[in-house]
Amino acid sequence: MTVPEIREMLRGADEQGLAALERSLAADTRKGVKAAIEAARKRLEGEKAECARVAALYSFEKSLLDSGQSVIVGLDEVGRGAVAGPLAVGAVVLPPEPMVMGLNDSKKLTPEQREAIAQEVKTHALAWAVEYVAPEDIDRDGMTASLKRAFKGALDQVDRILPCDLVIVDGNPIHIDPREKNVIKGDAKCASIAAASIVAKVTRDALMRDMAADYPEYDFGGNKGYGSAQHIDAIKAHGLSPVHRKSFCRSFMQESLF
């Protein structure tokens, strides 16, 4: 076989397949073959480590359950610090199997990874929801009240589908429900919080891309409503759109614009 043919076989080999190929290629001294075998070993080691990391996310959140409890819903927010667009809270209930590979803090993933994982979450989740709070409501009620409203709304959506025993929330206490437990950096520790973070991020990003078509001067598709330098310059040049949070823009806008 040629080196490219061997490389292709190794690319899809599992541990047993690699072992068999290593035995059959033991006498092959070509550098390209040895490099391909080493690359396959490293790939399998990486996959094994990733599987263990994700399994730990599921195991950790299961350890939070009290006796007699079984259904966990994870919640997380995105868009808290944006100056335009809604606040979004995701809520996800995952089954023990199959594990959704790649789950992680959404900020550590590429857009392509988030899209793929969000689709896997939606496919396998026992229940999921995303709740929004509009910019005008954030301006009127403030962020603390808006967060509680969004978390409660997302939880209520999921509870109607599948009543939950345990509500785990990323970060500090929200005080939305007696079932609530809080996990600092929960999106990197708990599978369902990571899933909620990813689903909320992907869903909100898609909404911001839709808004970009109506307000192209602000590049919502690029900045997702966050206060980048270019976004702030656009606000100064064009004023505020109906989807901007006025209360978040006072530091760089003239008072007369409010």
C-alpha atoms as a PDB file:
ATOM      1  CA  MET A   1       0.000   0.000   0.000  1.00  0.00           C
ATOM      2  CA  THR A   2       1.046   3.573  -0.543  1.00  0.00           C
ATOM      3  CA  VAL A   3       1.651   5.912   2.385  1.00  0.00           C
ATOM      4  CA  PRO A   4      -1.482   7.992   1.583  1.00  0.00           C
ATOM      5  CA  GLU A   5      -3.586   4.794   1.559  1.00  0.00           C
ATOM      6  CA  ILE A   6      -2.169   3.741   4.923  1.00  0.00           C
ATOM      7  CA  ARG A   7      -2.692   7.233   6.322  1.00  0.00           C
ATOM      8  CA  GLU A   8      -6.347   7.124   5.244  1.00  0.00           C
ATOM      9  CA  MET A   9      -6.868   3.725   6.918  1.00  0.00           C
ATOM     10  CA  LEU A  10      -5.279   4.974  10.130  1.00  0.00           C
ATOM     11  CA  ARG A  11      -7.335   8.154  10.120  1.00  0.00           C
ATOM     12  CA  GLY A  12     -10.520   6.245  10.909  1.00  0.00           C
ATOM     13  CA  ALA A  13      -9.075   3.407  12.991  1.00  0.00           C
ATOM     14  CA  ASP A  14     -10.195   2.724  16.549  1.00  0.00           C
ATOM     15  CA  GLU A  15      -7.853   1.251  19.200  1.00  0.00           C
ATOM     16  CA  GLN A  16      -8.319  -2.332  18.002  1.00  0.00           C
ATOM     17  CA  GLY A  17      -7.935  -1.260  14.377  1.00  0.00           C
ATOM     18  CA  LEU A  18      -4.769   0.652  15.148  1.00  0.00           C
ATOM     19  CA  ALA A  19      -3.296  -2.324  16.998  1.00  0.00           C
ATOM     20  CA  ALA A  20      -4.026  -4.584  14.034  1.00  0.00           C
ATOM     21  CA  LEU A  21      -2.543  -2.119  11.572  1.00  0.00           C
ATOM     22  CA  GLU A  22       0.554  -1.659  13.726  1.00  0.00           C
ATOM     23  CA  ARG A  23       1.122  -5.430  13.691  1.00  0.00           C
ATOM     24  CA  SER A  24       0.691  -5.657   9.940  1.00  0.00           C
ATOM     25  CA  LEU A  25       2.973  -2.655   9.354  1.00  0.00           C
ATOM     26  CA  ALA A  26       5.652  -3.616  11.881  1.00  0.00           C
ATOM     27  CA  ALA A  27       8.197  -4.336   9.150  1.00  0.00           C
ATOM     28  CA  ASP A  28       7.413  -1.189   7.159  1.00  0.00           C
ATOM     29  CA  THR A  29      10.291   1.229   7.728  1.00  0.00           C
ATOM     30  CA  ARG A  30       8.969   4.139   5.672  1.00  0.00           C
ATOM     31  CA  LYS A  31       9.065   7.403   7.620  1.00  0.00           C
ATOM     32  CA  GLY A  32       5.633   8.387   6.326  1.00  0.00           C
ATOM     33  CA  VAL A  33       4.103   5.186   7.703  1.00  0.00           C
ATOM     34  CA  LYS A  34       5.727   5.627  11.120  1.00  0.00           C
ATOM     35  CA  ALA A  35       4.524   9.246  11.242  1.00  0.00           C
ATOM     36  CA  ALA A  36       0.982   8.194  10.294  1.00  0.00           C
ATOM     37  CA  ILE A  37       0.930   5.558  13.058  1.00  0.00           C
ATOM     38  CA  GLU A  38       2.149   8.122  15.605  1.00  0.00           C
ATOM     39  CA  ALA A  39      -0.510  10.606  14.458  1.00  0.00           C
ATOM     40  CA  ALA A  40      -3.177   7.926  14.882  1.00  0.00           C
ATOM     41  CA  ARG A  41      -1.919   7.166  18.407  1.00  0.00           C
ATOM     42  CA  LYS A  42      -2.101  10.852  19.356  1.00  0.00           C
ATOM     43  CA  ARG A  43      -5.586  11.168  17.858  1.00  0.00           C
ATOM     44  CA  LEU A  44      -6.878   8.246  19.891  1.00  0.00           C
ATOM     45  CA  GLU A  45      -5.219   9.556  23.058  1.00  0.00           C
ATOM     46  CA  GLY A  46      -6.874  12.926  22.488  1.00  0.00           C
ATOM     47  CA  GLU A  47     -10.265  11.318  21.894  1.00  0.00           C
ATOM     48  CA  LYS A  48      -9.891   9.245  25.069  1.00  0.00           C
ATOM     49  CA  ALA A  49      -8.958  12.327  27.099  1.00  0.00           C
ATOM     50  CA  GLU A  50     -11.887  14.286  25.661  1.00  0.00           C
ATOM     51  CA  CYS A  51     -14.301  11.465  26.458  1.00  0.00           C
ATOM     52  CA  ALA A  52     -13.016  11.415  30.054  1.00  0.00           C
ATOM     53  CA  ARG A  53     -13.380  15.208  30.329  1.00  0.00           C
ATOM     54  CA  VAL A  54     -16.988  15.158  29.138  1.00  0.00           C
ATOM     55  CA  ALA A  55     -17.815  12.146  31.338  1.00  0.00           C
ATOM     56  CA  ALA A  56     -16.545  14.171  34.310  1.00  0.00           C
ATOM     57  CA  LEU A  57     -19.051  16.944  33.471  1.00  0.00           C
ATOM     58  CA  TYR A  58     -21.903  14.452  33.633  1.00  0.00           C
ATOM     59  CA  SER A  59     -20.519  12.801  36.770  1.00  0.00           C
ATOM     60  CA  PHE A  60     -20.028  16.075  38.629  1.00  0.00           C
ATOM     61  CA  GLU A  61     -23.566  17.309  38.135  1.00  0.00           C
ATOM     62  CA  LYS A  62     -24.970  13.887  39.055  1.00  0.00           C
ATOM     63  CA  SER A  63     -23.078  14.173  42.357  1.00  0.00           C
ATOM     64  CA  LEU A  64     -25.188  17.256  43.166  1.00  0.00           C
ATOM     65  CA  LEU A  65     -28.409  15.220  43.285  1.00  0.00           C
ATOM     66  CA  ASP A  66     -29.978  14.416  46.636  1.00  0.00           C
ATOM     67  CA  SER A  67     -31.452  11.012  47.383  1.00  0.00           C
ATOM     68  CA  GLY A  68     -34.559  10.327  45.294  1.00  0.00           C
ATOM     69  CA  GLN A  69     -33.749  13.012  42.722  1.00  0.00           C
ATOM     70  CA  SER A  70     -32.983  12.208  39.090  1.00  0.00           C
ATOM     71  CA  VAL A  71     -33.918  15.031  36.695  1.00  0.00           C
ATOM     72  CA  ILE A  72     -31.420  17.900  36.439  1.00  0.00           C
ATOM     73  CA  VAL A  73     -31.944  21.098  34.460  1.00  0.00           C
ATOM     74  CA  GLY A  74     -28.961  23.366  33.816  1.00  0.00           C
ATOM     75  CA  LEU A  75     -29.363  27.077  33.133  1.00  0.00           C
ATOM     76  CA  ASP A  76     -27.021  29.768  31.879  1.00  0.00           C
ATOM     77  CA  GLU A  77     -27.284  33.253  30.409  1.00  0.00           C
ATOM     78  CA  VAL A  78     -25.714  35.037  27.476  1.00  0.00           C
ATOM     79  CA  GLY A  79     -25.866  38.683  26.478  1.00  0.00           C
ATOM     80  CA  ARG A  80     -25.715  40.203  29.942  1.00  0.00           C
ATOM     81  CA  GLY A  81     -22.973  42.650  28.966  1.00  0.00           C
ATOM     82  CA  ALA A  82     -24.186  43.477  25.463  1.00  0.00           C
ATOM     83  CA  VAL A  83     -25.329  47.015  24.639  1.00  0.00           C
ATOM     84  CA  ALA A  84     -27.849  45.828  22.043  1.00  0.00           C
ATOM     85  CA  GLY A  85     -30.167  42.884  21.629  1.00  0.00           C
ATOM     86  CA  PRO A  86     -31.875  40.752  24.241  1.00  0.00           C
ATOM     87  CA  LEU A  87     -30.663  38.939  27.294  1.00  0.00           C
ATOM     88  CA  ALA A  88     -31.043  35.174  26.729  1.00  0.00           C
ATOM     89  CA  VAL A  89     -31.160  32.286  29.179  1.00  0.00           C
ATOM     90  CA  GLY A  90     -30.908  28.676  28.075  1.00  0.00           C
ATOM     91  CA  ALA A  91     -32.242  25.692  30.003  1.00  0.00           C
ATOM     92  CA  VAL A  92     -31.394  22.077  29.135  1.00  0.00           C
ATOM     93  CA  VAL A  93     -32.197  18.645  30.563  1.00  0.00           C
ATOM     94  CA  LEU A  94     -29.780  16.007  29.262  1.00  0.00           C
ATOM     95  CA  PRO A  95     -30.186  12.235  29.448  1.00  0.00           C
ATOM     96  CA  PRO A  96     -27.290  10.216  30.927  1.00  0.00           C
ATOM     97  CA  GLU A  97     -26.745   8.654  27.484  1.00  0.00           C
ATOM     98  CA  PRO A  98     -25.648   9.403  24.889  1.00  0.00           C
ATOM     99  CA  MET A  99     -23.128  11.908  26.152  1.00  0.00           C
ATOM    100  CA  VAL A 100     -22.853  15.013  23.976  1.00  0.00           C
ATOM    101  CA  MET A 101     -19.191  15.229  23.067  1.00  0.00           C
ATOM    102  CA  GLY A 102     -17.491  18.620  23.024  1.00  0.00           C
ATOM    103  CA  LEU A 103     -19.584  20.193  25.781  1.00  0.00           C
ATOM    104  CA  ASN A 104     -17.674  23.077  27.326  1.00  0.00           C
ATOM    105  CA  ASP A 105     -17.896  26.721  28.276  1.00  0.00           C
ATOM    106  CA  SER A 106     -19.302  28.238  25.071  1.00  0.00           C
ATOM    107  CA  LYS A 107     -16.584  30.925  25.091  1.00  0.00           C
ATOM    108  CA  LYS A 108     -13.936  28.211  24.641  1.00  0.00           C
ATOM    109  CA  LEU A 109     -15.539  26.900  21.446  1.00  0.00           C
ATOM    110  CA  THR A 110     -15.406  28.159  17.878  1.00  0.00           C
ATOM    111  CA  PRO A 111     -18.678  29.268  16.229  1.00  0.00           C
ATOM    112  CA  GLU A 112     -18.604  26.109  14.108  1.00  0.00           C
ATOM    113  CA  GLN A 113     -18.141  23.897  17.170  1.00  0.00           C
ATOM    114  CA  ARG A 114     -20.972  25.673  18.998  1.00  0.00           C
ATOM    115  CA  GLU A 115     -23.343  25.200  16.067  1.00  0.00           C
ATOM    116  CA  ALA A 116     -22.593  21.490  15.806  1.00  0.00           C
ATOM    117  CA  ILE A 117     -22.831  20.862  19.550  1.00  0.00           C
ATOM    118  CA  ALA A 118     -26.047  22.903  19.864  1.00  0.00           C
ATOM    119  CA  GLN A 119     -27.636  20.690  17.231  1.00  0.00           C
ATOM    120  CA  GLU A 120     -26.538  17.576  19.125  1.00  0.00           C
ATOM    121  CA  VAL A 121     -27.963  19.007  22.352  1.00  0.00           C
ATOM    122  CA  LYS A 122     -31.308  19.782  20.722  1.00  0.00           C
ATOM    123  CA  THR A 123     -31.413  16.308  19.187  1.00  0.00           C
ATOM    124  CA  HIS A 124     -30.734  14.400  22.408  1.00  0.00           C
ATOM    125  CA  ALA A 125     -32.043  16.684  25.178  1.00  0.00           C
ATOM    126  CA  LEU A 126     -35.088  15.536  27.128  1.00  0.00           C
ATOM    127  CA  ALA A 127     -36.150  19.197  27.216  1.00  0.00           C
ATOM    128  CA  TRP A 128     -34.615  22.540  26.285  1.00  0.00           C
ATOM    129  CA  ALA A 129     -35.696  26.174  26.078  1.00  0.00           C
ATOM    130  CA  VAL A 130     -34.371  29.688  25.549  1.00  0.00           C
ATOM    131  CA  GLU A 131     -36.026  32.678  27.215  1.00  0.00           C
ATOM    132  CA  TYR A 132     -35.419  36.268  26.088  1.00  0.00           C
ATOM    133  CA  VAL A 133     -35.754  39.644  27.784  1.00  0.00           C
ATOM    134  CA  ALA A 134     -36.028  42.509  25.286  1.00  0.00           C
ATOM    135  CA  PRO A 135     -33.783  45.601  25.437  1.00  0.00           C
ATOM    136  CA  GLU A 136     -36.637  47.920  26.403  1.00  0.00           C
ATOM    137  CA  ASP A 137     -37.535  45.658  29.322  1.00  0.00           C
ATOM    138  CA  ILE A 138     -33.903  45.618  30.489  1.00  0.00           C
ATOM    139  CA  ASP A 139     -33.904  49.435  30.367  1.00  0.00           C
ATOM    140  CA  ARG A 140     -37.145  49.582  32.327  1.00  0.00           C
ATOM    141  CA  ASP A 141     -36.503  46.908  34.964  1.00  0.00           C
ATOM    142  CA  GLY A 142     -32.704  46.738  35.279  1.00  0.00           C
ATOM    143  CA  MET A 143     -30.428  43.754  34.832  1.00  0.00           C
ATOM    144  CA  THR A 144     -31.028  42.011  38.167  1.00  0.00           C
ATOM    145  CA  ALA A 145     -34.799  41.810  37.633  1.00  0.00           C
ATOM    146  CA  SER A 146     -34.299  40.902  33.969  1.00  0.00           C
ATOM    147  CA  LEU A 147     -31.996  38.017  34.866  1.00  0.00           C
ATOM    148  CA  LYS A 148     -34.514  36.617  37.328  1.00  0.00           C
ATOM    149  CA  ARG A 149     -37.292  36.940  34.757  1.00  0.00           C
ATOM    150  CA  ALA A 150     -35.263  35.198  32.063  1.00  0.00           C
ATOM    151  CA  PHE A 151     -34.082  32.363  34.306  1.00  0.00           C
ATOM    152  CA  LYS A 152     -37.593  31.829  35.669  1.00  0.00           C
ATOM    153  CA  GLY A 153     -39.091  31.883  32.173  1.00  0.00           C
ATOM    154  CA  ALA A 154     -36.620  29.329  30.823  1.00  0.00           C
ATOM    155  CA  LEU A 155     -37.149  27.076  33.847  1.00  0.00           C
ATOM    156  CA  ASP A 156     -40.929  27.298  33.519  1.00  0.00           C
ATOM    157  CA  GLN A 157     -40.734  26.274  29.847  1.00  0.00           C
ATOM    158  CA  VAL A 158     -38.723  23.175  30.688  1.00  0.00           C
ATOM    159  CA  ASP A 159     -40.799  22.295  33.760  1.00  0.00           C
ATOM    160  CA  ARG A 160     -43.918  22.187  31.575  1.00  0.00           C
ATOM    161  CA  ILE A 161     -42.210  19.563  29.399  1.00  0.00           C
ATOM    162  CA  LEU A 162     -40.471  17.610  32.161  1.00  0.00           C
ATOM    163  CA  PRO A 163     -40.724  18.480  35.870  1.00  0.00           C
ATOM    164  CA  CYS A 164     -37.211  18.805  37.295  1.00  0.00           C
ATOM    165  CA  ASP A 165     -35.801  17.751  40.667  1.00  0.00           C
ATOM    166  CA  LEU A 166     -32.686  19.921  40.654  1.00  0.00           C
ATOM    167  CA  VAL A 167     -32.063  23.335  39.087  1.00  0.00           C
ATOM    168  CA  ILE A 168     -28.364  24.103  38.619  1.00  0.00           C
ATOM    169  CA  VAL A 169     -27.359  27.632  37.698  1.00  0.00           C
ATOM    170  CA  ASP A 170     -23.990  28.974  36.601  1.00  0.00           C
ATOM    171  CA  GLY A 171     -22.476  31.553  38.915  1.00  0.00           C
ATOM    172  CA  ASN A 172     -23.954  33.300  41.900  1.00  0.00           C
ATOM    173  CA  PRO A 173     -27.415  32.595  43.386  1.00  0.00           C
ATOM    174  CA  ILE A 174     -30.365  33.928  41.365  1.00  0.00           C
ATOM    175  CA  HIS A 175     -33.000  32.885  43.928  1.00  0.00           C
ATOM    176  CA  ILE A 176     -35.547  31.830  41.326  1.00  0.00           C
ATOM    177  CA  ASP A 177     -36.630  28.492  42.787  1.00  0.00           C
ATOM    178  CA  PRO A 178     -36.259  26.381  45.965  1.00  0.00           C
ATOM    179  CA  ARG A 179     -34.630  23.643  43.846  1.00  0.00           C
ATOM    180  CA  GLU A 180     -31.765  25.955  42.827  1.00  0.00           C
ATOM    181  CA  LYS A 181     -28.128  25.075  43.399  1.00  0.00           C
ATOM    182  CA  ASN A 182     -25.331  27.313  42.151  1.00  0.00           C
ATOM    183  CA  VAL A 183     -22.052  26.242  40.626  1.00  0.00           C
ATOM    184  CA  ILE A 184     -19.278  28.783  40.098  1.00  0.00           C
ATOM    185  CA  LYS A 185     -17.860  28.288  36.587  1.00  0.00           C
ATOM    186  CA  GLY A 186     -20.607  25.752  36.099  1.00  0.00           C
ATOM    187  CA  ASP A 187     -20.406  25.954  32.304  1.00  0.00           C
ATOM    188  CA  ALA A 188     -16.981  24.278  32.580  1.00  0.00           C
ATOM    189  CA  LYS A 189     -18.039  21.784  35.289  1.00  0.00           C
ATOM    190  CA  CYS A 190     -21.599  20.632  34.523  1.00  0.00           C
ATOM    191  CA  ALA A 191     -22.820  19.046  31.307  1.00  0.00           C
ATOM    192  CA  SER A 192     -26.302  20.552  31.352  1.00  0.00           C
ATOM    193  CA  ILE A 193     -25.066  24.076  32.199  1.00  0.00           C
ATOM    194  CA  ALA A 194     -22.527  23.859  29.367  1.00  0.00           C
ATOM    195  CA  ALA A 195     -25.317  22.687  27.053  1.00  0.00           C
ATOM    196  CA  ALA A 196     -27.559  25.573  28.157  1.00  0.00           C
ATOM    197  CA  SER A 197     -24.731  28.044  27.585  1.00  0.00           C
ATOM    198  CA  ILE A 198     -24.130  26.757  24.059  1.00  0.00           C
ATOM    199  CA  VAL A 199     -27.794  26.606  23.055  1.00  0.00           C
ATOM    200  CA  ALA A 200     -28.442  30.111  24.395  1.00  0.00           C
ATOM    201  CA  LYS A 201     -25.345  31.495  22.656  1.00  0.00           C
ATOM    202  CA  VAL A 202     -26.118  29.915  19.277  1.00  0.00           C
ATOM    203  CA  THR A 203     -29.773  30.939  19.414  1.00  0.00           C
ATOM    204  CA  ARG A 204     -29.030  34.525  20.440  1.00  0.00           C
ATOM    205  CA  ASP A 205     -26.248  34.861  17.848  1.00  0.00           C
ATOM    206  CA  ALA A 206     -28.682  33.796  15.118  1.00  0.00           C
ATOM    207  CA  LEU A 207     -31.162  36.433  16.336  1.00  0.00           C
ATOM    208  CA  MET A 208     -28.455  39.108  16.238  1.00  0.00           C
ATOM    209  CA  ARG A 209     -27.577  38.120  12.655  1.00  0.00           C
ATOM    210  CA  ASP A 210     -31.241  38.598  11.761  1.00  0.00           C
ATOM    211  CA  MET A 211     -31.170  42.040  13.390  1.00  0.00           C
ATOM    212  CA  ALA A 212     -28.093  42.900  11.321  1.00  0.00           C
ATOM    213  CA  ALA A 213     -30.245  42.746   8.181  1.00  0.00           C
ATOM    214  CA  ASP A 214     -32.520  45.467   9.609  1.00  0.00           C
ATOM    215  CA  TYR A 215     -29.710  47.608  11.057  1.00  0.00           C
ATOM    216  CA  PRO A 216     -26.635  46.930   8.902  1.00  0.00           C
ATOM    217  CA  GLU A 217     -24.723  50.001  10.073  1.00  0.00           C
ATOM    218  CA  TYR A 218     -24.060  48.432  13.498  1.00  0.00           C
ATOM    219  CA  ASP A 219     -22.587  45.071  12.336  1.00  0.00           C
ATOM    220  CA  PHE A 220     -24.653  43.024  14.787  1.00  0.00           C
ATOM    221  CA  GLY A 221     -23.651  39.922  12.865  1.00  0.00           C
ATOM    222  CA  GLY A 222     -20.045  40.549  13.855  1.00  0.00           C
ATOM    223  CA  ASN A 223     -20.274  42.046  17.346  1.00  0.00           C
ATOM    224  CA  LYS A 224     -23.496  40.259  18.442  1.00  0.00           C
ATOM    225  CA  GLY A 225     -24.564  43.457  20.192  1.00  0.00           C
ATOM    226  CA  TYR A 226     -21.479  43.798  22.384  1.00  0.00           C
ATOM    227  CA  GLY A 227     -19.719  47.144  22.718  1.00  0.00           C
ATOM    228  CA  SER A 228     -16.747  46.760  20.379  1.00  0.00           C
ATOM    229  CA  ALA A 229     -14.885  49.920  19.387  1.00  0.00           C
ATOM    230  CA  GLN A 230     -16.414  49.774  15.915  1.00  0.00           C
ATOM    231  CA  HIS A 231     -19.892  49.298  17.359  1.00  0.00           C
ATOM    232  CA  ILE A 232     -19.506  52.287  19.670  1.00  0.00           C
ATOM    233  CA  ASP A 233     -18.261  54.391  16.742  1.00  0.00           C
ATOM    234  CA  ALA A 234     -21.336  53.345  14.745  1.00  0.00           C
ATOM    235  CA  ILE A 235     -23.620  54.386  17.613  1.00  0.00           C
ATOM    236  CA  LYS A 236     -21.911  57.771  17.800  1.00  0.00           C
ATOM    237  CA  ALA A 237     -22.294  58.204  14.049  1.00  0.00           C
ATOM    238  CA  HIS A 238     -25.863  56.917  13.617  1.00  0.00           C
ATOM    239  CA  GLY A 239     -27.457  57.146  17.057  1.00  0.00           C
ATOM    240  CA  LEU A 240     -29.287  54.315  18.750  1.00  0.00           C
ATOM    241  CA  SER A 241     -31.454  51.730  17.021  1.00  0.00           C
ATOM    242  CA  PRO A 242     -34.671  50.391  18.567  1.00  0.00           C
ATOM    243  CA  VAL A 243     -32.776  47.271  19.706  1.00  0.00           C
ATOM    244  CA  HIS A 244     -30.098  49.116  21.688  1.00  0.00           C
ATOM    245  CA  ARG A 245     -30.185  49.215  25.476  1.00  0.00           C
ATOM    246  CA  LYS A 246     -30.288  52.928  26.203  1.00  0.00           C
ATOM    247  CA  SER A 247     -29.274  52.448  29.833  1.00  0.00           C
ATOM    248  CA  PHE A 248     -26.091  50.673  28.707  1.00  0.00           C
ATOM    249  CA  CYS A 249     -25.046  53.375  26.245  1.00  0.00           C
ATOM    250  CA  ARG A 250     -25.064  56.487  28.417  1.00  0.00           C
ATOM    251  CA  SER A 251     -21.314  56.421  29.022  1.00  0.00           C
ATOM    252  CA  PHE A 252     -20.513  57.090  25.379  1.00  0.00           C
ATOM    253  CA  MET A 253     -23.626  58.940  24.144  1.00  0.00           C
ATOM    254  CA  GLN A 254     -24.788  62.511  24.524  1.00  0.00           C
ATOM    255  CA  GLU A 255     -27.440  62.870  27.241  1.00  0.00           C
ATOM    256  CA  SER A 256     -29.743  64.568  24.708  1.00  0.00           C
ATOM    257  CA  LEU A 257     -30.126  61.284  22.817  1.00  0.00           C
ATOM    258  CA  PHE A 258     -32.081  59.663  25.655  1.00  0.00           C
END
